[in-house]
């Protein structure tokens, strides 16, 4: 089914908002030099830790890197991390 065919208004309200968010998402290719506030980082990490995983194993680990020298080194060393520059 094409995502344009989904009839969001016929769904319960608690389902509508997440689906609207998914369908209206966009990719961002420009970043500012402004650091993310610690409160926002903590909220994002808590949300990520609450995400479901197979058999509820939660196999992930999260690392927050905010040191510019380390971010630049990662951008140079990792093929898919060029956005860190």
PDB file of N, CA and C in Angstrom:
ATOM      1  N   UNK A   1       0.838  -1.171   0.000  1.00  0.00           N
ATOM      2  CA  UNK A   1       0.000   0.000   0.000  1.00  0.00           C
ATOM      3  C   UNK A   1       0.886   1.237   0.000  1.00  0.00           C
ATOM      4  N   UNK A   2       0.554   2.193  -0.824  1.00  0.00           N
ATOM      5  CA  UNK A   2       1.258   3.465  -0.869  1.00  0.00           C
ATOM      6  C   UNK A   2       0.901   4.262   0.387  1.00  0.00           C
ATOM      7  N   UNK A   3       1.884   4.919   1.000  1.00  0.00           N
ATOM      8  CA  UNK A   3       1.620   5.660   2.234  1.00  0.00           C
ATOM      9  C   UNK A   3       0.599   6.765   2.026  1.00  0.00           C
ATOM     10  N   UNK A   4       0.446   7.263   0.807  1.00  0.00           N
ATOM     11  CA  UNK A   4      -0.535   8.311   0.533  1.00  0.00           C
ATOM     12  C   UNK A   4      -1.958   7.783   0.662  1.00  0.00           C
ATOM     13  N   UNK A   5      -2.164   6.479   0.590  1.00  0.00           N
ATOM     14  CA  UNK A   5      -3.494   5.891   0.651  1.00  0.00           C
ATOM     15  C   UNK A   5      -3.967   5.652   2.076  1.00  0.00           C
ATOM     16  N   UNK A   6      -3.130   5.839   3.057  1.00  0.00           N
ATOM     17  CA  UNK A   6      -3.507   5.581   4.444  1.00  0.00           C
ATOM     18  C   UNK A   6      -4.524   6.631   4.888  1.00  0.00           C
ATOM     19  N   UNK A   7      -5.634   6.175   5.431  1.00  0.00           N
ATOM     20  CA  UNK A   7      -6.696   7.067   5.909  1.00  0.00           C
ATOM     21  C   UNK A   7      -6.502   7.299   7.407  1.00  0.00           C
ATOM     22  N   UNK A   8      -5.669   8.278   7.734  1.00  0.00           N
ATOM     23  CA  UNK A   8      -5.317   8.543   9.125  1.00  0.00           C
ATOM     24  C   UNK A   8      -6.548   8.936   9.943  1.00  0.00           C
ATOM     25  N   UNK A   9      -7.446   9.707   9.356  1.00  0.00           N
ATOM     26  CA  UNK A   9      -8.591  10.198  10.131  1.00  0.00           C
ATOM     27  C   UNK A   9      -9.523   9.087  10.602  1.00  0.00           C
ATOM     28  N   UNK A  10      -9.426   7.882  10.035  1.00  0.00           N
ATOM     29  CA  UNK A  10     -10.269   6.759  10.448  1.00  0.00           C
ATOM     30  C   UNK A  10      -9.636   5.954  11.588  1.00  0.00           C
ATOM     31  N   UNK A  11      -8.455   6.334  12.024  1.00  0.00           N
ATOM     32  CA  UNK A  11      -7.754   5.605  13.076  1.00  0.00           C
ATOM     33  C   UNK A  11      -8.012   6.258  14.430  1.00  0.00           C
ATOM     34  N   UNK A  12      -7.883   5.485  15.517  1.00  0.00           N
ATOM     35  CA  UNK A  12      -8.004   6.090  16.852  1.00  0.00           C
ATOM     36  C   UNK A  12      -6.956   7.187  17.039  1.00  0.00           C
ATOM     37  N   UNK A  13      -7.295   8.194  17.844  1.00  0.00           N
ATOM     38  CA  UNK A  13      -6.411   9.353  18.012  1.00  0.00           C
ATOM     39  C   UNK A  13      -5.018   8.980  18.511  1.00  0.00           C
ATOM     40  N   UNK A  14      -4.904   7.992  19.429  1.00  0.00           N
ATOM     41  CA  UNK A  14      -3.590   7.624  19.960  1.00  0.00           C
ATOM     42  C   UNK A  14      -2.695   7.006  18.887  1.00  0.00           C
ATOM     43  N   UNK A  15      -3.280   6.574  17.779  1.00  0.00           N
ATOM     44  CA  UNK A  15      -2.501   6.030  16.664  1.00  0.00           C
ATOM     45  C   UNK A  15      -2.222   7.115  15.628  1.00  0.00           C
ATOM     46  N   UNK A  16      -3.134   8.079  15.504  1.00  0.00           N
ATOM     47  CA  UNK A  16      -2.998   9.120  14.484  1.00  0.00           C
ATOM     48  C   UNK A  16      -1.719   9.934  14.631  1.00  0.00           C
ATOM     49  N   UNK A  17      -1.418  10.409  15.839  1.00  0.00           N
ATOM     50  CA  UNK A  17      -0.266  11.294  16.016  1.00  0.00           C
ATOM     51  C   UNK A  17       1.060  10.638  15.652  1.00  0.00           C
ATOM     52  N   UNK A  18       1.362   9.434  16.126  1.00  0.00           N
ATOM     53  CA  UNK A  18       2.632   8.822  15.706  1.00  0.00           C
ATOM     54  C   UNK A  18       2.701   8.587  14.201  1.00  0.00           C
ATOM     55  N   UNK A  19       1.598   8.182  13.597  1.00  0.00           N
ATOM     56  CA  UNK A  19       1.607   7.941  12.152  1.00  0.00           C
ATOM     57  C   UNK A  19       1.804   9.253  11.408  1.00  0.00           C
ATOM     58  N   UNK A  20       1.155  10.320  11.849  1.00  0.00           N
ATOM     59  CA  UNK A  20       1.368  11.628  11.224  1.00  0.00           C
ATOM     60  C   UNK A  20       2.836  12.035  11.326  1.00  0.00           C
ATOM     61  N   UNK A  21       3.458  11.785  12.483  1.00  0.00           N
ATOM     62  CA  UNK A  21       4.880  12.113  12.655  1.00  0.00           C
ATOM     63  C   UNK A  21       5.752  11.315  11.697  1.00  0.00           C
ATOM     64  N   UNK A  22       5.458  10.032  11.559  1.00  0.00           N
ATOM     65  CA  UNK A  22       6.250   9.180  10.668  1.00  0.00           C
ATOM     66  C   UNK A  22       6.100   9.640   9.223  1.00  0.00           C
ATOM     67  N   UNK A  23       4.870   9.895   8.798  1.00  0.00           N
ATOM     68  CA  UNK A  23       4.626  10.270   7.404  1.00  0.00           C
ATOM     69  C   UNK A  23       5.115  11.675   7.073  1.00  0.00           C
ATOM     70  N   UNK A  24       5.246  12.544   8.066  1.00  0.00           N
ATOM     71  CA  UNK A  24       5.670  13.921   7.794  1.00  0.00           C
ATOM     72  C   UNK A  24       7.137  14.158   8.119  1.00  0.00           C
ATOM     73  N   UNK A  25       7.877  13.109   8.443  1.00  0.00           N
ATOM     74  CA  UNK A  25       9.283  13.285   8.813  1.00  0.00           C
ATOM     75  C   UNK A  25      10.087  13.823   7.634  1.00  0.00           C
ATOM     76  N   UNK A  26      11.213  14.413   7.916  1.00  0.00           N
ATOM     77  CA  UNK A  26      12.088  14.914   6.860  1.00  0.00           C
ATOM     78  C   UNK A  26      13.532  14.693   7.273  1.00  0.00           C
ATOM     79  N   UNK A  27      14.383  14.617   6.280  1.00  0.00           N
ATOM     80  CA  UNK A  27      15.813  14.469   6.541  1.00  0.00           C
ATOM     81  C   UNK A  27      16.435  15.859   6.628  1.00  0.00           C
ATOM     82  N   UNK A  28      17.340  16.027   7.570  1.00  0.00           N
ATOM     83  CA  UNK A  28      18.013  17.310   7.749  1.00  0.00           C
ATOM     84  C   UNK A  28      19.463  17.141   7.335  1.00  0.00           C
ATOM     85  N   UNK A  29      19.925  18.033   6.490  1.00  0.00           N
ATOM     86  CA  UNK A  29      21.301  17.956   6.007  1.00  0.00           C
ATOM     87  C   UNK A  29      22.137  19.154   6.453  1.00  0.00           C
ATOM     88  N   UNK A  30      21.525  20.100   7.149  1.00  0.00           N
ATOM     89  CA  UNK A  30      22.245  21.263   7.664  1.00  0.00           C
ATOM     90  C   UNK A  30      22.159  21.240   9.179  1.00  0.00           C
ATOM     91  N   UNK A  31      23.276  21.455   9.821  1.00  0.00           N
ATOM     92  CA  UNK A  31      23.334  21.429  11.270  1.00  0.00           C
ATOM     93  C   UNK A  31      23.942  22.735  11.767  1.00  0.00           C
ATOM     94  N   UNK A  32      23.490  23.189  12.901  1.00  0.00           N
ATOM     95  CA  UNK A  32      24.068  24.394  13.485  1.00  0.00           C
ATOM     96  C   UNK A  32      25.197  23.994  14.425  1.00  0.00           C
ATOM     97  N   UNK A  33      25.960  24.971  14.845  1.00  0.00           N
ATOM     98  CA  UNK A  33      27.041  24.731  15.808  1.00  0.00           C
ATOM     99  C   UNK A  33      26.522  24.773  17.241  1.00  0.00           C
ATOM    100  N   UNK A  34      25.246  25.080  17.413  1.00  0.00           N
ATOM    101  CA  UNK A  34      24.654  25.184  18.750  1.00  0.00           C
ATOM    102  C   UNK A  34      24.568  23.803  19.390  1.00  0.00           C
ATOM    103  N   UNK A  35      25.094  23.651  20.587  1.00  0.00           N
ATOM    104  CA  UNK A  35      25.021  22.348  21.262  1.00  0.00           C
ATOM    105  C   UNK A  35      23.585  22.018  21.659  1.00  0.00           C
ATOM    106  N   UNK A  36      23.297  20.739  21.742  1.00  0.00           N
ATOM    107  CA  UNK A  36      21.983  20.282  22.194  1.00  0.00           C
ATOM    108  C   UNK A  36      21.955  20.373  23.712  1.00  0.00           C
ATOM    109  N   UNK A  37      20.861  20.911  24.222  1.00  0.00           N
ATOM    110  CA  UNK A  37      20.743  21.091  25.668  1.00  0.00           C
ATOM    111  C   UNK A  37      20.768  19.734  26.370  1.00  0.00           C
ATOM    112  N   UNK A  38      21.417  19.650  27.546  1.00  0.00           N
ATOM    113  CA  UNK A  38      21.499  18.379  28.279  1.00  0.00           C
ATOM    114  C   UNK A  38      20.130  17.752  28.552  1.00  0.00           C
ATOM    115  N   UNK A  39      19.114  18.600  28.827  1.00  0.00           N
ATOM    116  CA  UNK A  39      17.774  18.063  29.102  1.00  0.00           C
ATOM    117  C   UNK A  39      17.214  17.338  27.877  1.00  0.00           C
ATOM    118  N   UNK A  40      17.457  17.905  26.690  1.00  0.00           N
ATOM    119  CA  UNK A  40      16.973  17.279  25.456  1.00  0.00           C
ATOM    120  C   UNK A  40      17.714  15.973  25.181  1.00  0.00           C
ATOM    121  N   UNK A  41      19.023  15.981  25.422  1.00  0.00           N
ATOM    122  CA  UNK A  41      19.804  14.753  25.236  1.00  0.00           C
ATOM    123  C   UNK A  41      19.299  13.650  26.165  1.00  0.00           C
ATOM    124  N   UNK A  42      19.050  14.004  27.410  1.00  0.00           N
ATOM    125  CA  UNK A  42      18.571  13.012  28.374  1.00  0.00           C
ATOM    126  C   UNK A  42      17.212  12.461  27.948  1.00  0.00           C
ATOM    127  N   UNK A  43      16.318  13.325  27.490  1.00  0.00           N
ATOM    128  CA  UNK A  43      15.001  12.885  27.037  1.00  0.00           C
ATOM    129  C   UNK A  43      15.122  11.959  25.823  1.00  0.00           C
ATOM    130  N   UNK A  44      15.968  12.322  24.863  1.00  0.00           N
ATOM    131  CA  UNK A  44      16.168  11.487  23.678  1.00  0.00           C
ATOM    132  C   UNK A  44      16.733  10.119  24.045  1.00  0.00           C
ATOM    133  N   UNK A  45      17.681  10.100  24.959  1.00  0.00           N
ATOM    134  CA  UNK A  45      18.259   8.824  25.388  1.00  0.00           C
ATOM    135  C   UNK A  45      17.235   7.956  26.124  1.00  0.00           C
ATOM    136  N   UNK A  46      16.422   8.569  26.970  1.00  0.00           N
ATOM    137  CA  UNK A  46      15.381   7.813  27.667  1.00  0.00           C
ATOM    138  C   UNK A  46      14.383   7.235  26.665  1.00  0.00           C
ATOM    139  N   UNK A  47      14.014   8.036  25.668  1.00  0.00           N
ATOM    140  CA  UNK A  47      13.096   7.554  24.630  1.00  0.00           C
ATOM    141  C   UNK A  47      13.716   6.407  23.848  1.00  0.00           C
ATOM    142  N   UNK A  48      14.993   6.542  23.508  1.00  0.00           N
ATOM    143  CA  UNK A  48      15.670   5.481  22.755  1.00  0.00           C
ATOM    144  C   UNK A  48      15.749   4.193  23.572  1.00  0.00           C
ATOM    145  N   UNK A  49      15.989   4.312  24.862  1.00  0.00           N
ATOM    146  CA  UNK A  49      16.069   3.128  25.718  1.00  0.00           C
ATOM    147  C   UNK A  49      14.707   2.447  25.879  1.00  0.00           C
ATOM    148  N   UNK A  50      13.636   3.195  25.654  1.00  0.00           N
ATOM    149  CA  UNK A  50      12.295   2.634  25.773  1.00  0.00           C
ATOM    150  C   UNK A  50      11.830   1.961  24.480  1.00  0.00           C
ATOM    151  N   UNK A  51      12.620   2.061  23.416  1.00  0.00           N
ATOM    152  CA  UNK A  51      12.229   1.453  22.141  1.00  0.00           C
ATOM    153  C   UNK A  51      12.198  -0.068  22.265  1.00  0.00           C
ATOM    154  N   UNK A  52      11.271  -0.701  21.566  1.00  0.00           N
ATOM    155  CA  UNK A  52      11.190  -2.161  21.641  1.00  0.00           C
ATOM    156  C   UNK A  52      12.376  -2.840  20.957  1.00  0.00           C
ATOM    157  N   UNK A  53      12.663  -4.047  21.394  1.00  0.00           N
ATOM    158  CA  UNK A  53      13.698  -4.860  20.753  1.00  0.00           C
ATOM    159  C   UNK A  53      13.229  -6.306  20.739  1.00  0.00           C
ATOM    160  N   UNK A  54      13.820  -7.116  19.903  1.00  0.00           N
ATOM    161  CA  UNK A  54      13.445  -8.518  19.812  1.00  0.00           C
ATOM    162  C   UNK A  54      13.599  -9.217  21.153  1.00  0.00           C
ATOM    163  N   UNK A  55      12.552  -9.854  21.594  1.00  0.00           N
ATOM    164  CA  UNK A  55      12.539 -10.583  22.870  1.00  0.00           C
ATOM    165  C   UNK A  55      12.930  -9.683  24.048  1.00  0.00           C
ATOM    166  N   UNK A  56      12.744  -8.385  23.867  1.00  0.00           N
ATOM    167  CA  UNK A  56      13.046  -7.390  24.904  1.00  0.00           C
ATOM    168  C   UNK A  56      14.485  -7.509  25.414  1.00  0.00           C
ATOM    169  N   UNK A  57      15.419  -7.826  24.494  1.00  0.00           N
ATOM    170  CA  UNK A  57      16.819  -7.978  24.901  1.00  0.00           C
ATOM    171  C   UNK A  57      17.536  -6.646  25.073  1.00  0.00           C
ATOM    172  N   UNK A  58      17.055  -5.611  24.404  1.00  0.00           N
ATOM    173  CA  UNK A  58      17.659  -4.269  24.474  1.00  0.00           C
ATOM    174  C   UNK A  58      19.184  -4.346  24.348  1.00  0.00           C
ATOM    175  N   UNK A  59      19.653  -4.771  23.190  1.00  0.00           N
ATOM    176  CA  UNK A  59      21.087  -5.025  23.014  1.00  0.00           C
ATOM    177  C   UNK A  59      21.935  -3.776  22.763  1.00  0.00           C
ATOM    178  N   UNK A  60      21.341  -2.630  22.790  1.00  0.00           N
ATOM    179  CA  UNK A  60      22.067  -1.434  22.395  1.00  0.00           C
ATOM    180  C   UNK A  60      22.818  -0.780  23.553  1.00  0.00           C
ATOM    181  N   UNK A  61      23.765   0.049  23.140  1.00  0.00           N
ATOM    182  CA  UNK A  61      24.488   0.930  24.065  1.00  0.00           C
ATOM    183  C   UNK A  61      24.524   2.296  23.402  1.00  0.00           C
ATOM    184  N   UNK A  62      24.408   3.343  24.173  1.00  0.00           N
ATOM    185  CA  UNK A  62      24.404   4.698  23.639  1.00  0.00           C
ATOM    186  C   UNK A  62      25.601   5.456  24.184  1.00  0.00           C
ATOM    187  N   UNK A  63      26.262   6.177  23.303  1.00  0.00           N
ATOM    188  CA  UNK A  63      27.413   6.995  23.685  1.00  0.00           C
ATOM    189  C   UNK A  63      27.174   8.391  23.126  1.00  0.00           C
ATOM    190  N   UNK A  64      27.253   9.394  23.964  1.00  0.00           N
ATOM    191  CA  UNK A  64      27.093  10.782  23.529  1.00  0.00           C
ATOM    192  C   UNK A  64      28.482  11.395  23.431  1.00  0.00           C
ATOM    193  N   UNK A  65      28.810  11.868  22.243  1.00  0.00           N
ATOM    194  CA  UNK A  65      30.118  12.500  22.011  1.00  0.00           C
ATOM    195  C   UNK A  65      29.865  13.962  21.677  1.00  0.00           C
ATOM    196  N   UNK A  66      30.412  14.866  22.490  1.00  0.00           N
ATOM    197  CA  UNK A  66      30.240  16.290  22.219  1.00  0.00           C
ATOM    198  C   UNK A  66      31.576  17.026  22.093  1.00  0.00           C
ATOM    199  N   UNK A  67      32.652  16.288  22.046  1.00  0.00           N
ATOM    200  CA  UNK A  67      33.981  16.878  21.893  1.00  0.00           C
ATOM    201  C   UNK A  67      34.285  17.038  20.400  1.00  0.00           C
ATOM    202  N   UNK A  68      34.496  18.273  19.944  1.00  0.00           N
ATOM    203  CA  UNK A  68      34.684  18.575  18.526  1.00  0.00           C
ATOM    204  C   UNK A  68      35.880  17.817  17.943  1.00  0.00           C
ATOM    205  N   UNK A  69      36.966  17.686  18.661  1.00  0.00           N
ATOM    206  CA  UNK A  69      38.152  16.983  18.156  1.00  0.00           C
ATOM    207  C   UNK A  69      37.824  15.509  17.902  1.00  0.00           C
ATOM    208  N   UNK A  70      37.101  14.887  18.807  1.00  0.00           N
ATOM    209  CA  UNK A  70      36.719  13.482  18.639  1.00  0.00           C
ATOM    210  C   UNK A  70      35.728  13.328  17.484  1.00  0.00           C
ATOM    211  N   UNK A  71      34.767  14.250  17.375  1.00  0.00           N
ATOM    212  CA  UNK A  71      33.802  14.185  16.278  1.00  0.00           C
ATOM    213  C   UNK A  71      34.504  14.317  14.921  1.00  0.00           C
ATOM    214  N   UNK A  72      35.462  15.225  14.821  1.00  0.00           N
ATOM    215  CA  UNK A  72      36.217  15.392  13.574  1.00  0.00           C
ATOM    216  C   UNK A  72      37.023  14.137  13.246  1.00  0.00           C
ATOM    217  N   UNK A  73      37.629  13.531  14.251  1.00  0.00           N
ATOM    218  CA  UNK A  73      38.396  12.299  14.030  1.00  0.00           C
ATOM    219  C   UNK A  73      37.474  11.167  13.570  1.00  0.00           C
ATOM    220  N   UNK A  74      36.291  11.080  14.163  1.00  0.00           N
ATOM    221  CA  UNK A  74      35.327  10.060  13.739  1.00  0.00           C
ATOM    222  C   UNK A  74      34.886  10.292  12.294  1.00  0.00           C
ATOM    223  N   UNK A  75      34.662  11.558  11.932  1.00  0.00           N
ATOM    224  CA  UNK A  75      34.252  11.886  10.565  1.00  0.00           C
ATOM    225  C   UNK A  75      35.319  11.473   9.560  1.00  0.00           C
ATOM    226  N   UNK A  76      36.569  11.616   9.929  1.00  0.00           N
ATOM    227  CA  UNK A  76      37.661  11.224   9.032  1.00  0.00           C
ATOM    228  C   UNK A  76      37.804   9.709   8.935  1.00  0.00           C
ATOM    229  N   UNK A  77      37.614   9.032  10.042  1.00  0.00           N
ATOM    230  CA  UNK A  77      37.901   7.589  10.099  1.00  0.00           C
ATOM    231  C   UNK A  77      36.744   6.701   9.640  1.00  0.00           C
ATOM    232  N   UNK A  78      35.515   7.177   9.793  1.00  0.00           N
ATOM    233  CA  UNK A  78      34.355   6.334   9.513  1.00  0.00           C
ATOM    234  C   UNK A  78      33.702   6.730   8.194  1.00  0.00           C
ATOM    235  N   UNK A  79      33.479   5.784   7.307  1.00  0.00           N
ATOM    236  CA  UNK A  79      32.958   6.120   5.978  1.00  0.00           C
ATOM    237  C   UNK A  79      31.559   6.731   5.980  1.00  0.00           C
ATOM    238  N   UNK A  80      30.727   6.414   6.958  1.00  0.00           N
ATOM    239  CA  UNK A  80      29.358   6.945   6.982  1.00  0.00           C
ATOM    240  C   UNK A  80      29.143   7.994   8.064  1.00  0.00           C
ATOM    241  N   UNK A  81      30.212   8.661   8.472  1.00  0.00           N
ATOM    242  CA  UNK A  81      30.111   9.654   9.536  1.00  0.00           C
ATOM    243  C   UNK A  81      30.551  11.036   9.071  1.00  0.00           C
ATOM    244  N   UNK A  82      30.480  11.303   7.779  1.00  0.00           N
ATOM    245  CA  UNK A  82      30.946  12.585   7.255  1.00  0.00           C
ATOM    246  C   UNK A  82      30.114  13.752   7.782  1.00  0.00           C
ATOM    247  N   UNK A  83      28.845  13.487   8.181  1.00  0.00           N
ATOM    248  CA  UNK A  83      28.001  14.552   8.692  1.00  0.00           C
ATOM    249  C   UNK A  83      28.481  15.101  10.027  1.00  0.00           C
ATOM    250  N   UNK A  84      29.433  14.436  10.654  1.00  0.00           N
ATOM    251  CA  UNK A  84      29.953  14.884  11.945  1.00  0.00           C
ATOM    252  C   UNK A  84      30.888  16.086  11.814  1.00  0.00           C
ATOM    253  N   UNK A  85      31.376  16.343  10.605  1.00  0.00           N
ATOM    254  CA  UNK A  85      32.301  17.477  10.403  1.00  0.00           C
ATOM    255  C   UNK A  85      31.607  18.787  10.628  1.00  0.00           C
TER     256      UNK A  85
END
